Protein backbone atom coordinates (compact mmCIF):
# COMPACT_ATOMS: atom_id res chain seq x y z
CA MET A 1 124.95 75.21 93.46
CA THR A 2 121.34 74.15 93.90
CA SER A 3 119.13 73.58 96.88
CA SER A 4 118.08 70.06 97.81
CA LEU A 5 114.37 69.54 97.22
CA SER A 6 112.08 66.92 98.69
CA PRO A 7 108.95 65.58 96.93
CA ASN A 8 105.57 66.64 98.22
CA PRO A 9 103.65 63.60 99.48
CA VAL A 10 100.37 64.74 97.91
CA THR A 11 101.38 66.01 94.50
CA GLY A 12 104.87 64.59 94.04
CA THR A 13 106.18 68.08 93.32
CA SER A 14 109.17 69.63 95.07
CA SER A 15 108.34 71.32 98.36
CA GLY A 16 111.48 73.44 98.28
CA PRO A 17 113.69 74.86 101.02
CA SER A 18 112.21 75.97 104.34
CA THR A 19 114.65 78.72 105.38
CA VAL A 20 115.61 82.09 103.88
CA GLU A 21 118.76 84.08 104.60
CA LEU A 22 119.72 87.43 103.07
CA TRP A 23 123.25 88.69 103.53
CA ASP A 24 124.28 92.26 102.72
CA LEU A 25 121.84 92.64 99.81
CA SER A 26 122.21 95.80 97.76
CA LYS A 27 120.20 96.72 94.69
CA TRP A 28 120.19 99.62 92.21
CA TYR A 29 117.80 100.44 89.38
CA ARG A 30 118.28 102.75 86.41
CA VAL A 31 115.60 105.46 86.46
CA ASN A 32 115.64 108.14 83.73
CA GLY A 33 119.29 107.42 83.12
CA HIS A 34 120.27 107.74 86.79
CA ALA A 35 121.24 105.06 89.30
CA LEU A 36 118.70 104.71 92.10
CA GLN A 37 119.74 102.62 95.10
CA VAL A 38 116.83 100.68 96.62
CA LEU A 39 118.55 98.31 99.09
CA ASP A 40 121.71 98.99 101.08
CA ARG A 41 123.32 95.88 102.61
CA VAL A 42 120.09 94.33 103.92
CA THR A 43 120.59 91.28 106.14
CA MET A 44 117.70 89.22 107.52
CA ARG A 45 116.51 85.63 107.90
CA ALA A 46 113.44 83.48 108.35
CA ASP A 47 113.96 80.09 110.00
CA ALA A 48 111.89 77.01 109.27
CA GLY A 49 108.30 77.46 110.45
CA GLU A 50 108.78 81.10 111.51
CA PHE A 51 106.44 83.97 110.83
CA VAL A 52 108.59 87.02 110.07
CA SER A 53 107.26 90.44 109.07
CA ILE A 54 108.92 93.35 107.29
CA VAL A 55 107.72 96.89 107.93
CA GLY A 56 108.97 100.14 106.47
CA PRO A 57 107.95 103.31 104.63
CA SER A 58 106.25 103.11 101.23
CA GLY A 59 108.75 102.74 98.42
CA CYS A 60 111.64 101.71 100.66
CA GLY A 61 112.30 98.42 98.86
CA LYS A 62 110.18 95.81 100.66
CA THR A 63 108.71 94.36 97.46
CA THR A 64 112.16 94.42 95.85
CA ILE A 65 113.35 92.11 98.65
CA PHE A 66 110.58 89.66 97.77
CA ASN A 67 111.36 89.91 94.06
CA ILE A 68 114.96 89.00 94.83
CA ILE A 69 114.03 86.10 97.10
CA CYS A 70 111.75 84.52 94.48
CA GLY A 71 114.17 85.11 91.60
CA LEU A 72 112.28 87.82 89.70
CA ALA A 73 115.26 90.13 90.32
CA GLN A 74 118.91 89.66 91.22
CA PRO A 75 120.87 91.67 93.80
CA ASP A 76 123.79 93.80 92.65
CA SER A 77 125.72 92.53 95.65
CA GLY A 78 125.13 90.21 98.56
CA SER A 79 123.80 86.67 98.87
CA VAL A 80 120.46 84.85 99.03
CA LEU A 81 120.47 81.46 100.76
CA LEU A 82 117.51 79.10 100.56
CA GLY A 83 117.72 76.03 102.75
CA GLY A 84 121.25 77.06 103.76
CA ARG A 85 122.53 77.10 100.17
CA GLU A 86 123.19 79.94 97.75
CA VAL A 87 120.86 79.39 94.80
CA PRO A 88 121.47 81.53 91.69
CA ASP A 89 118.20 80.50 89.99
CA ARG A 90 115.50 80.73 92.69
CA ARG A 91 112.46 80.81 90.41
CA GLY A 92 109.81 78.34 91.53
CA LEU A 93 111.43 77.51 94.88
CA VAL A 94 109.15 79.71 97.00
CA ALA A 95 105.48 80.70 96.71
CA TYR A 96 104.70 84.40 96.27
CA MET A 97 101.38 86.18 96.81
CA PRO A 98 101.61 89.78 95.51
CA GLN A 99 99.77 92.78 96.94
CA LYS A 100 96.66 92.21 94.82
CA ASP A 101 94.96 88.82 94.69
CA VAL A 102 95.24 88.85 90.84
CA LEU A 103 92.47 86.28 90.48
CA LEU A 104 91.55 85.64 86.84
CA PRO A 105 88.03 87.09 86.41
CA TRP A 106 86.96 84.51 83.83
CA ARG A 107 87.81 81.57 86.10
CA LYS A 108 85.78 80.33 89.03
CA VAL A 109 87.38 79.95 92.45
CA LEU A 110 88.41 76.34 91.87
CA GLY A 111 89.95 77.17 88.50
CA ASN A 112 91.87 80.05 90.02
CA VAL A 113 93.34 78.08 92.91
CA LEU A 114 94.40 75.27 90.53
CA LEU A 115 96.48 77.62 88.39
CA GLY A 116 99.78 76.54 89.96
CA ALA A 117 99.09 72.85 89.38
CA GLU A 118 98.09 73.60 85.80
CA VAL A 119 101.26 75.58 85.08
CA ALA A 120 103.37 72.84 86.68
CA GLY A 121 101.75 70.18 84.51
CA GLN A 122 100.37 68.26 87.48
CA SER A 123 97.30 66.06 87.43
CA LEU A 124 94.40 68.50 87.60
CA GLU A 125 92.03 65.79 88.84
CA GLU A 126 94.31 65.04 91.79
CA ALA A 127 94.97 68.74 92.45
CA ALA A 128 91.23 69.48 92.37
CA ARG A 129 90.55 66.83 95.00
CA GLU A 130 93.16 68.38 97.26
CA ALA A 131 91.87 71.92 96.65
CA GLU A 132 88.27 70.92 97.39
CA ALA A 133 89.39 69.28 100.64
CA LEU A 134 91.16 72.53 101.65
CA LEU A 135 88.34 74.94 100.77
CA PRO A 136 86.65 74.69 104.22
CA GLY A 137 89.90 75.42 106.06
CA PHE A 138 90.38 78.51 103.91
CA GLY A 139 86.84 79.74 104.52
CA LEU A 140 85.70 78.98 100.98
CA GLU A 141 83.41 76.00 101.43
CA GLY A 142 80.51 76.21 98.96
CA PHE A 143 82.26 78.83 96.81
CA ALA A 144 84.24 76.63 94.39
CA ASP A 145 81.89 77.56 91.51
CA ARG A 146 81.76 81.30 92.19
CA TYR A 147 83.55 83.89 90.07
CA PRO A 148 85.89 86.43 91.73
CA HIS A 149 83.39 89.29 91.31
CA GLU A 150 80.93 87.31 93.44
CA LEU A 151 83.32 87.19 96.42
CA SER A 152 83.93 89.67 99.21
CA GLY A 153 87.38 91.25 99.51
CA GLY A 154 88.27 88.91 102.36
CA MET A 155 87.20 85.84 100.41
CA ARG A 156 89.25 86.94 97.39
CA GLN A 157 92.30 87.20 99.64
CA ARG A 158 91.65 83.74 101.07
CA ALA A 159 91.34 82.36 97.54
CA GLY A 160 94.63 84.03 96.63
CA LEU A 161 96.31 82.54 99.67
CA LEU A 162 94.94 79.07 98.91
CA ARG A 163 96.32 79.33 95.38
CA THR A 164 99.68 80.34 96.86
CA TYR A 165 99.55 77.46 99.35
CA LEU A 166 98.77 74.95 96.59
CA PHE A 167 102.12 75.68 94.96
CA HIS A 168 103.41 73.38 97.74
CA ARG A 169 106.41 75.41 98.76
CA GLU A 170 107.70 75.55 102.31
CA VAL A 171 108.33 79.31 102.10
CA LEU A 172 105.43 81.72 101.52
CA LEU A 173 106.04 85.37 100.61
CA LEU A 174 102.93 87.44 101.40
CA ASP A 175 103.09 91.06 100.21
CA GLU A 176 100.52 93.16 102.10
CA PRO A 177 97.71 90.62 101.59
CA PHE A 178 95.28 92.57 103.80
CA GLY A 179 96.30 96.10 102.86
CA ALA A 180 93.15 96.93 100.86
CA LEU A 181 90.63 95.56 103.38
CA ASP A 182 88.53 97.39 105.94
CA ALA A 183 89.65 97.22 109.58
CA LEU A 184 87.09 94.66 110.72
CA THR A 185 87.71 92.26 107.82
CA ARG A 186 91.43 92.73 108.27
CA ARG A 187 91.27 91.75 111.96
CA LYS A 188 89.22 88.65 111.16
CA LEU A 189 91.71 87.59 108.48
CA GLN A 190 94.65 88.14 110.80
CA LEU A 191 93.10 85.67 113.24
CA TRP A 192 92.31 83.30 110.40
CA LEU A 193 95.83 83.50 108.91
CA GLN A 194 97.33 82.81 112.33
CA SER A 195 95.23 79.65 112.66
CA VAL A 196 96.18 78.44 109.15
CA TRP A 197 99.86 79.12 109.83
CA GLN A 198 99.81 77.33 113.20
CA GLU A 199 98.16 74.30 111.64
CA ARG A 200 100.46 74.03 108.62
CA ARG A 201 103.66 75.71 109.90
CA LYS A 202 104.98 77.06 106.65
CA THR A 203 107.79 79.60 106.79
CA VAL A 204 106.16 82.99 106.17
CA LEU A 205 107.70 86.31 105.21
CA PHE A 206 105.02 88.99 105.46
CA ILE A 207 105.15 92.60 104.27
CA THR A 208 102.86 95.11 105.97
CA HIS A 209 102.60 98.82 106.70
CA ASP A 210 100.60 98.06 109.85
CA VAL A 211 102.83 97.85 112.94
CA ASP A 212 100.05 96.32 115.05
CA GLU A 213 99.46 93.65 112.42
CA ALA A 214 103.18 92.83 112.29
CA VAL A 215 103.43 92.44 116.07
CA PHE A 216 100.22 90.43 116.33
CA LEU A 217 101.20 87.86 113.69
CA SER A 218 104.96 87.57 113.94
CA ASP A 219 107.73 85.84 115.79
CA ARG A 220 110.12 88.56 114.66
CA VAL A 221 109.76 91.86 112.81
CA TYR A 222 112.34 93.74 110.75
CA ALA A 223 111.97 97.54 110.60
CA LEU A 224 113.47 99.13 107.47
CA SER A 225 114.64 102.67 106.84
CA PRO A 226 113.45 104.86 103.95
CA ARG A 227 115.06 104.11 100.57
CA PRO A 228 117.69 102.88 100.22
CA ALA A 229 116.46 100.35 102.76
CA THR A 230 118.66 99.23 105.61
CA VAL A 231 117.57 97.14 108.59
CA ARG A 232 117.12 99.55 111.47
CA ARG A 233 115.95 97.01 114.01
CA GLU A 234 115.03 93.38 114.50
CA VAL A 235 112.27 93.04 117.11
CA HIS A 236 111.47 89.72 118.79
CA VAL A 237 107.81 89.40 119.75
CA ASP A 238 107.47 87.71 123.15
CA LEU A 239 103.79 86.78 123.10
CA PRO A 240 102.26 83.31 123.56
CA ARG A 241 100.29 81.61 120.81
CA PRO A 242 97.56 81.40 119.79
CA ARG A 243 97.13 85.15 120.01
CA GLU A 244 93.79 86.81 120.58
CA ALA A 245 92.48 90.30 119.98
CA GLY A 246 92.73 91.02 123.73
CA MET A 247 96.51 90.79 123.52
CA LEU A 248 96.61 94.24 121.93
CA SER A 249 96.50 95.59 125.51
CA ASP A 250 99.26 93.24 126.75
CA PRO A 251 102.33 95.19 127.97
CA ARG A 252 104.56 92.93 125.87
CA PHE A 253 102.58 93.85 122.77
CA ALA A 254 102.87 97.52 123.65
CA ALA A 255 106.64 97.19 124.19
CA ALA A 256 107.22 95.54 120.80
CA ARG A 257 104.98 98.09 119.11
CA ALA A 258 106.81 100.99 120.74
CA GLU A 259 110.19 99.57 119.72
CA LEU A 260 109.09 99.32 116.09
CA LEU A 261 107.57 102.79 116.05
CA GLU A 262 110.79 104.19 117.48
CA ALA A 263 112.83 102.41 114.78
CA LEU A 264 110.47 103.82 112.13
CA GLU A 265 110.88 107.28 113.70
CA PHE A 266 107.20 107.71 114.58
CA VAL A 267 108.05 108.53 118.22
């Protein structure tokens, strides 16, 4: 069974499904000859246009969930539904930005962000025009001809996200994109990412270790247990958008934060 795909109006490529559902996912790995369970009947969803975060202890299986969603790994049991359909071969149906920006050091910014179009065999001339038009919105205007080592950490992350966006998939998987940044840069990029998401309304699944970041950005947050991961709590964030830094003192923010910390056993 395959998911129905619609052509992208700019590139003509498939935009892919816009919803993700995980039902009772379990996953084991063989480590030194022993079975190691990573996921234990994990159930979660991201509806079309939602921003959903996943928080949990290091090593609990968050990245494994993303690897399963994008087809780099298969669950040992359970189901993955994209666009309401179970899709055995999910490779290429969602866009995935890993923890590191993995920009190619020998390519300039424009060459890096065009990698997806190049791999897909699309018209590079057409893709370059689109990328250049998007550079200002991603905070990269005037940097198309710079190499990665000439960029700040925040700019590298924005370039990585633009490359992910240019895959033209309706679902974006973002694995701790701001984890290596200083606090001030991280806050600025949280505000920036919120504005990009509100303008383009992709479905986002976002992994973070930062509870405040999860609450600030998300519609809903899933709190996972230590490995093997189970869903301990699903927290709905009742805050208006757009969100501003001052909302960190909002009682609703504090309530959602406290609920997550309790689920993660920090209180």
